[in-house]
C-alpha cells in the first residue's frame, strides 16, 4: 500500500511539472533586430484553452485567466531590456495543466 502511495505521488508530481512550450512571432518592424533583448513574464491560472479557437484560430492570446503580473506587456519588456528602437516581438507560451506562463520577448537597439 505504501508503494502505491509513493507511485501515485511521483506520478502526480510528474504530471504537474509536464509542460509544452510554443514560441511564435507576434510583430516585426523595419528596424534591425539588434543585440538587446527584454522580457516580460506573466503566469495565468485557469486560462481558457479554447480562447484561440473562439477567435478563429488566427489571433494571438496575450493572456487569459487569473493573471498575476499587472505590469505584463510590451512596455515592461522594453523597459527590462533597455531598448530604444523595437525590432521584433515574440510570444512564448508554456502550458502546464493548471496554469500557463506567457512571456513576451522583445528585441531591438
N, C-alpha and C. Protein backbone atom coordinates (compact mmCIF):
# COMPACT_ATOMS: atom_id res chain seq x y z
N UNK A 1 0.82 -1.19 0.00
CA UNK A 1 0.00 0.00 0.00
C UNK A 1 0.87 1.27 0.00
N UNK A 2 1.98 1.20 0.75
CA UNK A 2 2.87 2.35 0.81
C UNK A 2 3.53 2.61 -0.55
N UNK A 3 3.87 1.53 -1.27
CA UNK A 3 4.47 1.68 -2.60
C UNK A 3 3.48 2.31 -3.57
N UNK A 4 2.22 1.94 -3.48
CA UNK A 4 1.19 2.54 -4.34
C UNK A 4 1.04 4.04 -4.06
N UNK A 5 1.09 4.40 -2.80
CA UNK A 5 1.00 5.81 -2.41
C UNK A 5 2.18 6.59 -2.98
N UNK A 6 3.38 6.03 -2.88
CA UNK A 6 4.58 6.70 -3.41
C UNK A 6 4.51 6.83 -4.92
N UNK A 7 4.06 5.79 -5.60
CA UNK A 7 3.93 5.84 -7.06
C UNK A 7 2.91 6.89 -7.46
N UNK A 8 1.82 6.99 -6.72
CA UNK A 8 0.79 7.99 -7.01
C UNK A 8 1.32 9.41 -6.82
N UNK A 9 2.08 9.62 -5.77
CA UNK A 9 2.65 10.95 -5.51
C UNK A 9 3.65 11.33 -6.60
N UNK A 10 4.53 10.40 -6.97
CA UNK A 10 5.52 10.67 -8.03
C UNK A 10 4.81 10.92 -9.36
N UNK A 11 3.79 10.14 -9.66
CA UNK A 11 3.02 10.34 -10.90
C UNK A 11 2.33 11.69 -10.93
N UNK A 12 1.75 12.12 -9.81
CA UNK A 12 1.08 13.41 -9.75
C UNK A 12 2.08 14.55 -9.91
N UNK A 13 3.26 14.42 -9.31
CA UNK A 13 4.30 15.44 -9.47
C UNK A 13 4.78 15.52 -10.91
N UNK A 14 4.99 14.38 -11.54
CA UNK A 14 5.44 14.36 -12.93
C UNK A 14 4.39 14.98 -13.84
N UNK A 15 3.13 14.68 -13.60
CA UNK A 15 2.05 15.26 -14.40
C UNK A 15 1.96 16.77 -14.19
N UNK A 16 2.16 17.20 -12.95
CA UNK A 16 2.09 18.64 -12.66
C UNK A 16 3.24 19.43 -13.24
N UNK A 17 4.39 18.80 -13.41
CA UNK A 17 5.56 19.50 -13.94
C UNK A 17 5.70 19.37 -15.46
N UNK A 18 4.90 18.53 -16.07
CA UNK A 18 4.96 18.37 -17.53
C UNK A 18 4.46 19.64 -18.21
N UNK A 19 5.09 19.99 -19.30
CA UNK A 19 4.69 21.21 -19.99
C UNK A 19 4.95 21.09 -21.48
N UNK A 20 4.36 22.02 -22.20
CA UNK A 20 4.57 22.15 -23.63
C UNK A 20 4.80 23.64 -23.90
N UNK A 21 5.81 23.98 -24.66
CA UNK A 21 6.14 25.37 -24.90
C UNK A 21 6.15 25.67 -26.39
N UNK A 22 5.55 26.81 -26.76
CA UNK A 22 5.50 27.25 -28.15
C UNK A 22 5.91 28.72 -28.20
N UNK A 23 6.82 29.06 -29.11
CA UNK A 23 7.22 30.45 -29.32
C UNK A 23 6.83 30.85 -30.73
N UNK A 24 6.09 31.96 -30.83
CA UNK A 24 5.62 32.45 -32.14
C UNK A 24 5.93 33.93 -32.27
N UNK A 25 6.21 34.38 -33.48
CA UNK A 25 6.42 35.82 -33.68
C UNK A 25 5.09 36.56 -33.52
N UNK A 26 5.15 37.69 -32.86
CA UNK A 26 3.95 38.49 -32.64
C UNK A 26 3.95 39.73 -33.53
N UNK A 27 5.12 40.35 -33.70
CA UNK A 27 5.22 41.54 -34.54
C UNK A 27 6.67 41.74 -34.97
N UNK A 28 6.84 42.33 -36.16
CA UNK A 28 8.15 42.65 -36.69
C UNK A 28 8.07 44.04 -37.29
N UNK A 29 9.15 44.82 -37.11
CA UNK A 29 9.19 46.16 -37.69
C UNK A 29 10.30 46.22 -38.74
N UNK A 30 10.44 47.36 -39.39
CA UNK A 30 11.52 47.56 -40.37
C UNK A 30 12.86 47.82 -39.69
N UNK A 31 12.86 48.03 -38.39
CA UNK A 31 14.11 48.29 -37.66
C UNK A 31 14.92 47.00 -37.54
N UNK A 32 16.22 47.15 -37.27
CA UNK A 32 17.06 45.96 -37.10
C UNK A 32 16.72 45.26 -35.79
N UNK A 33 16.94 43.96 -35.77
CA UNK A 33 16.63 43.17 -34.57
C UNK A 33 17.53 43.62 -33.42
N UNK A 34 18.78 43.89 -33.68
CA UNK A 34 19.68 44.43 -32.67
C UNK A 34 20.23 43.37 -31.73
N UNK A 35 20.93 43.85 -30.71
CA UNK A 35 21.61 42.96 -29.78
C UNK A 35 20.94 42.91 -28.41
N UNK A 36 20.04 43.84 -28.13
CA UNK A 36 19.39 43.89 -26.82
C UNK A 36 18.11 43.04 -26.83
N UNK A 37 17.82 42.47 -25.68
CA UNK A 37 16.62 41.66 -25.53
C UNK A 37 15.97 41.95 -24.18
N UNK A 38 14.66 42.11 -24.17
CA UNK A 38 13.92 42.33 -22.94
C UNK A 38 12.78 41.33 -22.83
N UNK A 39 12.42 41.00 -21.60
CA UNK A 39 11.36 40.01 -21.39
C UNK A 39 10.37 40.50 -20.35
N UNK A 40 9.12 40.08 -20.54
CA UNK A 40 8.07 40.32 -19.58
C UNK A 40 7.30 39.02 -19.43
N UNK A 41 7.20 38.52 -18.21
CA UNK A 41 6.55 37.22 -17.97
C UNK A 41 5.28 37.40 -17.14
N UNK A 42 4.34 36.49 -17.36
CA UNK A 42 3.07 36.50 -16.65
C UNK A 42 2.61 35.07 -16.45
N UNK A 43 2.10 34.77 -15.28
CA UNK A 43 1.52 33.45 -15.00
C UNK A 43 0.02 33.63 -14.82
N UNK A 44 -0.75 32.85 -15.57
CA UNK A 44 -2.20 32.93 -15.51
C UNK A 44 -2.78 31.59 -15.08
N UNK A 45 -3.64 31.63 -14.08
CA UNK A 45 -4.29 30.43 -13.58
C UNK A 45 -5.64 30.25 -14.25
N UNK A 46 -6.00 29.03 -14.51
CA UNK A 46 -7.32 28.68 -15.05
C UNK A 46 -7.63 29.42 -16.34
N UNK A 47 -6.68 29.47 -17.25
CA UNK A 47 -6.88 30.13 -18.55
C UNK A 47 -7.86 29.37 -19.42
N UNK A 48 -8.38 30.03 -20.42
CA UNK A 48 -9.35 29.44 -21.33
C UNK A 48 -8.60 28.76 -22.47
N UNK A 49 -8.57 27.42 -22.52
CA UNK A 49 -7.83 26.74 -23.59
C UNK A 49 -8.47 26.90 -24.95
N UNK A 50 -9.75 27.25 -25.01
CA UNK A 50 -10.45 27.39 -26.28
C UNK A 50 -10.48 28.84 -26.76
N UNK A 51 -9.72 29.73 -26.13
CA UNK A 51 -9.77 31.14 -26.50
C UNK A 51 -9.26 31.37 -27.91
N UNK A 52 -8.22 30.65 -28.33
CA UNK A 52 -7.71 30.82 -29.68
C UNK A 52 -8.69 30.26 -30.70
N UNK A 53 -9.32 29.14 -30.38
CA UNK A 53 -10.30 28.56 -31.29
C UNK A 53 -11.51 29.48 -31.45
N UNK A 54 -11.87 30.19 -30.39
CA UNK A 54 -13.02 31.09 -30.45
C UNK A 54 -12.75 32.27 -31.38
N UNK A 55 -11.46 32.65 -31.53
CA UNK A 55 -11.13 33.76 -32.41
C UNK A 55 -10.82 33.28 -33.82
N UNK A 56 -11.20 32.06 -34.12
CA UNK A 56 -10.96 31.52 -35.45
C UNK A 56 -9.61 30.87 -35.59
N UNK A 57 -8.84 30.82 -34.50
CA UNK A 57 -7.53 30.19 -34.53
C UNK A 57 -6.46 31.03 -35.20
N UNK A 58 -6.77 32.26 -35.58
CA UNK A 58 -5.80 33.07 -36.29
C UNK A 58 -5.15 34.12 -35.41
N UNK A 59 -5.77 34.49 -34.32
CA UNK A 59 -5.25 35.55 -33.47
C UNK A 59 -4.31 35.04 -32.41
N UNK A 60 -3.72 35.96 -31.67
CA UNK A 60 -2.84 35.62 -30.56
C UNK A 60 -3.56 35.97 -29.27
N UNK A 61 -3.47 35.10 -28.29
CA UNK A 61 -3.99 35.38 -26.97
C UNK A 61 -2.79 35.79 -26.12
N UNK A 62 -2.75 37.06 -25.72
CA UNK A 62 -1.62 37.55 -24.94
C UNK A 62 -1.67 36.94 -23.54
N UNK A 63 -2.84 36.82 -22.95
CA UNK A 63 -3.01 36.13 -21.67
C UNK A 63 -4.50 35.94 -21.42
N UNK A 64 -4.84 34.89 -20.68
CA UNK A 64 -6.23 34.65 -20.31
C UNK A 64 -6.27 33.97 -18.96
N UNK A 65 -7.33 34.20 -18.20
CA UNK A 65 -7.47 33.61 -16.87
C UNK A 65 -7.15 34.63 -15.79
N UNK A 66 -6.83 34.14 -14.61
CA UNK A 66 -6.47 34.98 -13.48
C UNK A 66 -4.96 35.20 -13.56
N UNK A 67 -4.56 36.41 -13.95
CA UNK A 67 -3.14 36.71 -14.21
C UNK A 67 -2.51 37.39 -13.00
N UNK A 68 -1.24 37.08 -12.74
CA UNK A 68 -0.56 37.53 -11.53
C UNK A 68 0.33 38.75 -11.71
N UNK A 69 0.69 39.12 -12.94
CA UNK A 69 1.58 40.26 -13.17
C UNK A 69 0.78 41.38 -13.82
N UNK A 70 0.50 42.42 -13.07
CA UNK A 70 -0.28 43.55 -13.58
C UNK A 70 0.48 44.42 -14.57
N UNK A 71 1.81 44.37 -14.56
CA UNK A 71 2.62 45.19 -15.45
C UNK A 71 3.00 44.47 -16.73
N UNK A 72 2.55 43.23 -16.90
CA UNK A 72 2.92 42.40 -18.05
C UNK A 72 2.56 43.09 -19.36
N UNK A 73 3.52 43.13 -20.27
CA UNK A 73 3.25 43.70 -21.58
C UNK A 73 4.53 44.12 -22.29
N UNK A 74 4.33 44.68 -23.46
CA UNK A 74 5.46 45.10 -24.29
C UNK A 74 6.24 46.22 -23.62
N UNK A 75 5.54 47.13 -22.96
CA UNK A 75 6.22 48.26 -22.31
C UNK A 75 7.17 47.75 -21.22
N UNK A 76 6.72 46.79 -20.41
CA UNK A 76 7.59 46.24 -19.37
C UNK A 76 8.80 45.52 -19.98
N UNK A 77 8.59 44.78 -21.07
CA UNK A 77 9.69 44.07 -21.72
C UNK A 77 10.72 45.05 -22.29
N UNK A 78 10.25 46.13 -22.90
CA UNK A 78 11.15 47.15 -23.46
C UNK A 78 11.95 47.81 -22.34
N UNK A 79 11.29 48.13 -21.23
CA UNK A 79 11.99 48.73 -20.09
C UNK A 79 13.02 47.77 -19.50
N UNK A 80 12.67 46.48 -19.39
CA UNK A 80 13.60 45.50 -18.82
C UNK A 80 14.83 45.30 -19.70
N UNK A 81 14.70 45.47 -21.01
CA UNK A 81 15.83 45.30 -21.91
C UNK A 81 16.58 46.57 -22.23
N UNK A 82 16.06 47.72 -21.79
CA UNK A 82 16.71 48.99 -22.11
C UNK A 82 16.71 49.29 -23.59
N UNK A 83 15.61 48.95 -24.26
CA UNK A 83 15.52 49.09 -25.71
C UNK A 83 14.92 50.44 -26.08
N UNK A 84 15.55 51.10 -27.04
CA UNK A 84 15.06 52.39 -27.54
C UNK A 84 14.32 52.22 -28.87
N UNK A 85 14.79 51.31 -29.73
CA UNK A 85 14.18 51.07 -31.05
C UNK A 85 13.77 49.60 -31.12
N UNK A 86 12.50 49.35 -31.24
CA UNK A 86 11.96 47.99 -31.23
C UNK A 86 12.08 47.34 -32.59
N UNK A 87 12.59 46.10 -32.63
CA UNK A 87 12.77 45.38 -33.89
C UNK A 87 11.80 44.23 -34.08
N UNK A 88 11.59 43.42 -33.03
CA UNK A 88 10.71 42.26 -33.15
C UNK A 88 10.14 41.90 -31.79
N UNK A 89 8.97 41.26 -31.80
CA UNK A 89 8.31 40.80 -30.58
C UNK A 89 7.91 39.35 -30.78
N UNK A 90 8.30 38.50 -29.85
CA UNK A 90 7.90 37.09 -29.86
C UNK A 90 7.06 36.80 -28.63
N UNK A 91 6.13 35.85 -28.75
CA UNK A 91 5.31 35.42 -27.64
C UNK A 91 5.59 33.95 -27.38
N UNK A 92 6.05 33.65 -26.18
CA UNK A 92 6.31 32.27 -25.78
C UNK A 92 5.26 31.86 -24.76
N UNK A 93 4.55 30.78 -25.04
CA UNK A 93 3.51 30.28 -24.14
C UNK A 93 3.92 28.88 -23.68
N UNK A 94 4.00 28.69 -22.37
CA UNK A 94 4.29 27.39 -21.79
C UNK A 94 3.04 26.92 -21.07
N UNK A 95 2.49 25.79 -21.51
CA UNK A 95 1.26 25.25 -20.93
C UNK A 95 1.58 24.20 -19.89
N UNK A 96 1.08 24.41 -18.70
CA UNK A 96 1.08 23.39 -17.66
C UNK A 96 -0.38 22.97 -17.50
N UNK A 97 -0.68 22.01 -16.69
CA UNK A 97 -2.06 21.54 -16.59
C UNK A 97 -2.98 22.51 -15.87
N UNK A 98 -2.49 23.24 -14.90
CA UNK A 98 -3.33 24.15 -14.13
C UNK A 98 -3.11 25.61 -14.51
N UNK A 99 -1.94 25.94 -15.00
CA UNK A 99 -1.64 27.33 -15.32
C UNK A 99 -0.85 27.42 -16.61
N UNK A 100 -0.77 28.66 -17.13
CA UNK A 100 0.03 28.95 -18.31
C UNK A 100 1.01 30.06 -17.97
N UNK A 101 2.19 29.98 -18.56
CA UNK A 101 3.18 31.05 -18.41
C UNK A 101 3.33 31.73 -19.77
N UNK A 102 3.05 33.03 -19.81
CA UNK A 102 3.20 33.82 -21.02
C UNK A 102 4.45 34.66 -20.88
N UNK A 103 5.24 34.74 -21.94
CA UNK A 103 6.47 35.52 -21.92
C UNK A 103 6.60 36.29 -23.23
N UNK A 104 6.61 37.61 -23.12
CA UNK A 104 6.88 38.46 -24.29
C UNK A 104 8.37 38.71 -24.36
N UNK A 105 8.94 38.46 -25.52
CA UNK A 105 10.38 38.64 -25.74
C UNK A 105 10.53 39.69 -26.84
N UNK A 106 11.13 40.83 -26.49
CA UNK A 106 11.31 41.90 -27.47
C UNK A 106 12.80 42.03 -27.78
N UNK A 107 13.10 42.40 -29.01
CA UNK A 107 14.49 42.58 -29.43
C UNK A 107 14.61 43.92 -30.16
N UNK A 108 15.75 44.54 -30.02
CA UNK A 108 15.97 45.83 -30.68
C UNK A 108 17.28 46.45 -30.24
N UNK A 109 17.39 47.74 -30.48
CA UNK A 109 18.59 48.51 -30.10
C UNK A 109 18.27 49.44 -28.98
